[in-house]
Amino acid sequence: MSDVATVGDAVARLELPETGEMLLLLNGDMAFWQTELSDGDIVTLVPAMSGG
């Protein structure tokens, strides 16, 4: 993914269906859509959960 610059770019390339909010992690730390990527980074997507 050498041409991907941000977390948002990487997620967009996955072409996932819109399922609502999600927590973004980069190398285990909180990230944002505009967080820049480096070679070897690990992006984790955690779906939002609710309960009651």
PDB file of N, CA and C in Angstrom:
ATOM      1  N   MET A   1       0.824  -1.190   0.000  1.00  0.00           N
ATOM      2  CA  MET A   1       0.000   0.000   0.000  1.00  0.00           C
ATOM      3  C   MET A   1       0.866   1.250   0.000  1.00  0.00           C
ATOM      4  N   SER A   2       1.903   1.261  -0.756  1.00  0.00           N
ATOM      5  CA  SER A   2       2.841   2.374  -0.728  1.00  0.00           C
ATOM      6  C   SER A   2       2.221   3.693  -1.177  1.00  0.00           C
ATOM      7  N   ASP A   3       1.089   3.656  -1.927  1.00  0.00           N
ATOM      8  CA  ASP A   3       0.477   4.895  -2.386  1.00  0.00           C
ATOM      9  C   ASP A   3      -0.593   5.412  -1.423  1.00  0.00           C
ATOM     10  N   VAL A   4      -0.814   4.734  -0.309  1.00  0.00           N
ATOM     11  CA  VAL A   4      -1.819   5.158   0.668  1.00  0.00           C
ATOM     12  C   VAL A   4      -1.168   6.092   1.678  1.00  0.00           C
ATOM     13  N   ALA A   5      -1.809   7.241   1.919  1.00  0.00           N
ATOM     14  CA  ALA A   5      -1.194   8.237   2.786  1.00  0.00           C
ATOM     15  C   ALA A   5      -1.814   8.314   4.179  1.00  0.00           C
ATOM     16  N   THR A   6      -3.123   8.015   4.305  1.00  0.00           N
ATOM     17  CA  THR A   6      -3.793   8.180   5.593  1.00  0.00           C
ATOM     18  C   THR A   6      -4.602   6.936   5.955  1.00  0.00           C
ATOM     19  N   VAL A   7      -5.030   6.879   7.211  1.00  0.00           N
ATOM     20  CA  VAL A   7      -5.900   5.790   7.661  1.00  0.00           C
ATOM     21  C   VAL A   7      -7.179   5.783   6.818  1.00  0.00           C
ATOM     22  N   GLY A   8      -7.744   6.944   6.560  1.00  0.00           N
ATOM     23  CA  GLY A   8      -8.959   7.042   5.747  1.00  0.00           C
ATOM     24  C   GLY A   8      -8.773   6.479   4.353  1.00  0.00           C
ATOM     25  N   ASP A   9      -7.611   6.730   3.742  1.00  0.00           N
ATOM     26  CA  ASP A   9      -7.316   6.179   2.418  1.00  0.00           C
ATOM     27  C   ASP A   9      -7.289   4.650   2.464  1.00  0.00           C
ATOM     28  N   ALA A  10      -6.665   4.105   3.498  1.00  0.00           N
ATOM     29  CA  ALA A  10      -6.562   2.649   3.632  1.00  0.00           C
ATOM     30  C   ALA A  10      -7.939   2.020   3.808  1.00  0.00           C
ATOM     31  N   VAL A  11      -8.779   2.612   4.651  1.00  0.00           N
ATOM     32  CA  VAL A  11     -10.123   2.076   4.889  1.00  0.00           C
ATOM     33  C   VAL A  11     -10.955   2.162   3.610  1.00  0.00           C
ATOM     34  N   ALA A  12     -10.846   3.258   2.879  1.00  0.00           N
ATOM     35  CA  ALA A  12     -11.599   3.419   1.632  1.00  0.00           C
ATOM     36  C   ALA A  12     -11.228   2.341   0.619  1.00  0.00           C
ATOM     37  N   ARG A  13      -9.971   1.939   0.589  1.00  0.00           N
ATOM     38  CA  ARG A  13      -9.528   0.903  -0.354  1.00  0.00           C
ATOM     39  C   ARG A  13     -10.140  -0.451  -0.044  1.00  0.00           C
ATOM     40  N   LEU A  14     -10.590  -0.659   1.183  1.00  0.00           N
ATOM     41  CA  LEU A  14     -11.204  -1.937   1.560  1.00  0.00           C
ATOM     42  C   LEU A  14     -12.621  -2.079   1.009  1.00  0.00           C
ATOM     43  N   GLU A  15     -13.236  -0.965   0.613  1.00  0.00           N
ATOM     44  CA  GLU A  15     -14.594  -0.953   0.066  1.00  0.00           C
ATOM     45  C   GLU A  15     -15.581  -1.684   0.976  1.00  0.00           C
ATOM     46  N   LEU A  16     -15.522  -1.384   2.270  1.00  0.00           N
ATOM     47  CA  LEU A  16     -16.423  -1.990   3.245  1.00  0.00           C
ATOM     48  C   LEU A  16     -17.803  -1.352   3.149  1.00  0.00           C
ATOM     49  N   PRO A  17     -18.860  -2.121   3.449  1.00  0.00           N
ATOM     50  CA  PRO A  17     -20.197  -1.517   3.469  1.00  0.00           C
ATOM     51  C   PRO A  17     -20.317  -0.543   4.635  1.00  0.00           C
ATOM     52  N   GLU A  18     -21.137   0.480   4.458  1.00  0.00           N
ATOM     53  CA  GLU A  18     -21.390   1.446   5.533  1.00  0.00           C
ATOM     54  C   GLU A  18     -22.130   0.745   6.664  1.00  0.00           C
ATOM     55  N   THR A  19     -21.491   0.596   7.802  1.00  0.00           N
ATOM     56  CA  THR A  19     -22.129  -0.089   8.924  1.00  0.00           C
ATOM     57  C   THR A  19     -22.226   0.799  10.153  1.00  0.00           C
ATOM     58  N   GLY A  20     -21.896   2.058  10.027  1.00  0.00           N
ATOM     59  CA  GLY A  20     -21.983   2.968  11.164  1.00  0.00           C
ATOM     60  C   GLY A  20     -20.620   3.362  11.686  1.00  0.00           C
ATOM     61  N   GLU A  21     -20.606   3.806  12.911  1.00  0.00           N
ATOM     62  CA  GLU A  21     -19.392   4.300  13.546  1.00  0.00           C
ATOM     63  C   GLU A  21     -18.399   3.177  13.811  1.00  0.00           C
ATOM     64  N   MET A  22     -17.111   3.525  13.800  1.00  0.00           N
ATOM     65  CA  MET A  22     -16.084   2.565  14.168  1.00  0.00           C
ATOM     66  C   MET A  22     -14.918   3.281  14.828  1.00  0.00           C
ATOM     67  N   LEU A  23     -14.245   2.565  15.690  1.00  0.00           N
ATOM     68  CA  LEU A  23     -13.043   3.060  16.341  1.00  0.00           C
ATOM     69  C   LEU A  23     -11.866   2.697  15.454  1.00  0.00           C
ATOM     70  N   LEU A  24     -10.982   3.654  15.211  1.00  0.00           N
ATOM     71  CA  LEU A  24      -9.804   3.430  14.380  1.00  0.00           C
ATOM     72  C   LEU A  24      -8.575   3.355  15.267  1.00  0.00           C
ATOM     73  N   LEU A  25      -7.783   2.310  15.085  1.00  0.00           N
ATOM     74  CA  LEU A  25      -6.528   2.167  15.811  1.00  0.00           C
ATOM     75  C   LEU A  25      -5.389   2.062  14.812  1.00  0.00           C
ATOM     76  N   LEU A  26      -4.275   2.676  15.149  1.00  0.00           N
ATOM     77  CA  LEU A  26      -3.062   2.575  14.346  1.00  0.00           C
ATOM     78  C   LEU A  26      -1.957   2.092  15.263  1.00  0.00           C
ATOM     79  N   ASN A  27      -1.482   0.885  15.005  1.00  0.00           N
ATOM     80  CA  ASN A  27      -0.465   0.256  15.852  1.00  0.00           C
ATOM     81  C   ASN A  27      -0.911   0.196  17.315  1.00  0.00           C
ATOM     82  N   GLY A  28      -2.213  -0.041  17.518  1.00  0.00           N
ATOM     83  CA  GLY A  28      -2.756  -0.197  18.863  1.00  0.00           C
ATOM     84  C   GLY A  28      -3.149   1.090  19.566  1.00  0.00           C
ATOM     85  N   ASP A  29      -2.904   2.239  18.938  1.00  0.00           N
ATOM     86  CA  ASP A  29      -3.263   3.531  19.526  1.00  0.00           C
ATOM     87  C   ASP A  29      -4.399   4.167  18.732  1.00  0.00           C
ATOM     88  N   MET A  30      -5.208   4.980  19.412  1.00  0.00           N
ATOM     89  CA  MET A  30      -6.317   5.657  18.745  1.00  0.00           C
ATOM     90  C   MET A  30      -5.813   6.474  17.562  1.00  0.00           C
ATOM     91  N   ALA A  31      -6.569   6.415  16.462  1.00  0.00           N
ATOM     92  CA  ALA A  31      -6.196   7.142  15.251  1.00  0.00           C
ATOM     93  C   ALA A  31      -7.421   7.870  14.706  1.00  0.00           C
ATOM     94  N   PHE A  32      -7.197   8.715  13.727  1.00  0.00           N
ATOM     95  CA  PHE A  32      -8.250   9.478  13.075  1.00  0.00           C
ATOM     96  C   PHE A  32      -8.149   9.243  11.572  1.00  0.00           C
ATOM     97  N   TRP A  33      -9.216   9.568  10.835  1.00  0.00           N
ATOM     98  CA  TRP A  33      -9.225   9.342   9.388  1.00  0.00           C
ATOM     99  C   TRP A  33      -8.018   9.996   8.717  1.00  0.00           C
ATOM    100  N   GLN A  34      -7.588  11.150   9.212  1.00  0.00           N
ATOM    101  CA  GLN A  34      -6.501  11.891   8.568  1.00  0.00           C
ATOM    102  C   GLN A  34      -5.109  11.517   9.096  1.00  0.00           C
ATOM    103  N   THR A  35      -5.021  10.548  10.022  1.00  0.00           N
ATOM    104  CA  THR A  35      -3.724  10.121  10.552  1.00  0.00           C
ATOM    105  C   THR A  35      -2.877   9.533   9.428  1.00  0.00           C
ATOM    106  N   GLU A  36      -1.648  10.027   9.285  1.00  0.00           N
ATOM    107  CA  GLU A  36      -0.760   9.559   8.217  1.00  0.00           C
ATOM    108  C   GLU A  36      -0.190   8.186   8.537  1.00  0.00           C
ATOM    109  N   LEU A  37      -0.008   7.383   7.483  1.00  0.00           N
ATOM    110  CA  LEU A  37       0.538   6.037   7.617  1.00  0.00           C
ATOM    111  C   LEU A  37       2.015   6.005   7.268  1.00  0.00           C
ATOM    112  N   SER A  38       2.711   5.039   7.854  1.00  0.00           N
ATOM    113  CA  SER A  38       4.100   4.737   7.517  1.00  0.00           C
ATOM    114  C   SER A  38       4.177   3.270   7.133  1.00  0.00           C
ATOM    115  N   ASP A  39       5.238   2.879   6.437  1.00  0.00           N
ATOM    116  CA  ASP A  39       5.420   1.473   6.079  1.00  0.00           C
ATOM    117  C   ASP A  39       5.388   0.610   7.327  1.00  0.00           C
ATOM    118  N   GLY A  40       4.650  -0.498   7.262  1.00  0.00           N
ATOM    119  CA  GLY A  40       4.589  -1.434   8.370  1.00  0.00           C
ATOM    120  C   GLY A  40       3.527  -1.138   9.410  1.00  0.00           C
ATOM    121  N   ASP A  41       2.796  -0.022   9.275  1.00  0.00           N
ATOM    122  CA  ASP A  41       1.732   0.301  10.229  1.00  0.00           C
ATOM    123  C   ASP A  41       0.621  -0.744  10.167  1.00  0.00           C
ATOM    124  N   ILE A  42      -0.040  -0.959  11.298  1.00  0.00           N
ATOM    125  CA  ILE A  42      -1.180  -1.869  11.382  1.00  0.00           C
ATOM    126  C   ILE A  42      -2.412  -1.053  11.742  1.00  0.00           C
ATOM    127  N   VAL A  43      -3.404  -1.074  10.849  1.00  0.00           N
ATOM    128  CA  VAL A  43      -4.668  -0.372  11.067  1.00  0.00           C
ATOM    129  C   VAL A  43      -5.690  -1.390  11.551  1.00  0.00           C
ATOM    130  N   THR A  44      -6.367  -1.074  12.658  1.00  0.00           N
ATOM    131  CA  THR A  44      -7.399  -1.946  13.216  1.00  0.00           C
ATOM    132  C   THR A  44      -8.715  -1.185  13.247  1.00  0.00           C
ATOM    133  N   LEU A  45      -9.783  -1.828  12.771  1.00  0.00           N
ATOM    134  CA  LEU A  45     -11.121  -1.242  12.780  1.00  0.00           C
ATOM    135  C   LEU A  45     -11.951  -1.981  13.815  1.00  0.00           C
ATOM    136  N   VAL A  46     -12.519  -1.239  14.761  1.00  0.00           N
ATOM    137  CA  VAL A  46     -13.332  -1.830  15.820  1.00  0.00           C
ATOM    138  C   VAL A  46     -14.742  -1.258  15.691  1.00  0.00           C
ATOM    139  N   PRO A  47     -15.741  -2.112  15.424  1.00  0.00           N
ATOM    140  CA  PRO A  47     -17.107  -1.590  15.294  1.00  0.00           C
ATOM    141  C   PRO A  47     -17.614  -1.031  16.618  1.00  0.00           C
ATOM    142  N   ALA A  48     -18.381   0.042  16.517  1.00  0.00           N
ATOM    143  CA  ALA A  48     -18.987   0.631  17.716  1.00  0.00           C
ATOM    144  C   ALA A  48     -20.041  -0.326  18.257  1.00  0.00           C
ATOM    145  N   MET A  49     -20.123  -0.408  19.575  1.00  0.00           N
ATOM    146  CA  MET A  49     -21.119  -1.276  20.195  1.00  0.00           C
ATOM    147  C   MET A  49     -21.985  -0.444  21.128  1.00  0.00           C
ATOM    148  N   SER A  50     -23.192  -0.883  21.278  1.00  0.00           N
ATOM    149  CA  SER A  50     -24.079  -0.240  22.243  1.00  0.00           C
ATOM    150  C   SER A  50     -24.843  -1.324  22.977  1.00  0.00           C
ATOM    151  N   GLY A  51     -25.291  -0.971  24.106  1.00  0.00           N
ATOM    152  CA  GLY A  51     -26.030  -1.955  24.890  1.00  0.00           C
ATOM    153  C   GLY A  51     -27.067  -1.273  25.752  1.00  0.00           C
ATOM    154  N   GLY A  52     -27.745  -2.072  26.466  1.00  0.00           N
ATOM    155  CA  GLY A  52     -28.748  -1.429  27.281  1.00  0.00           C
ATOM    156  C   GLY A  52     -29.305  -2.286  28.339  1.00  0.00           C
TER     157      GLY A  52
END
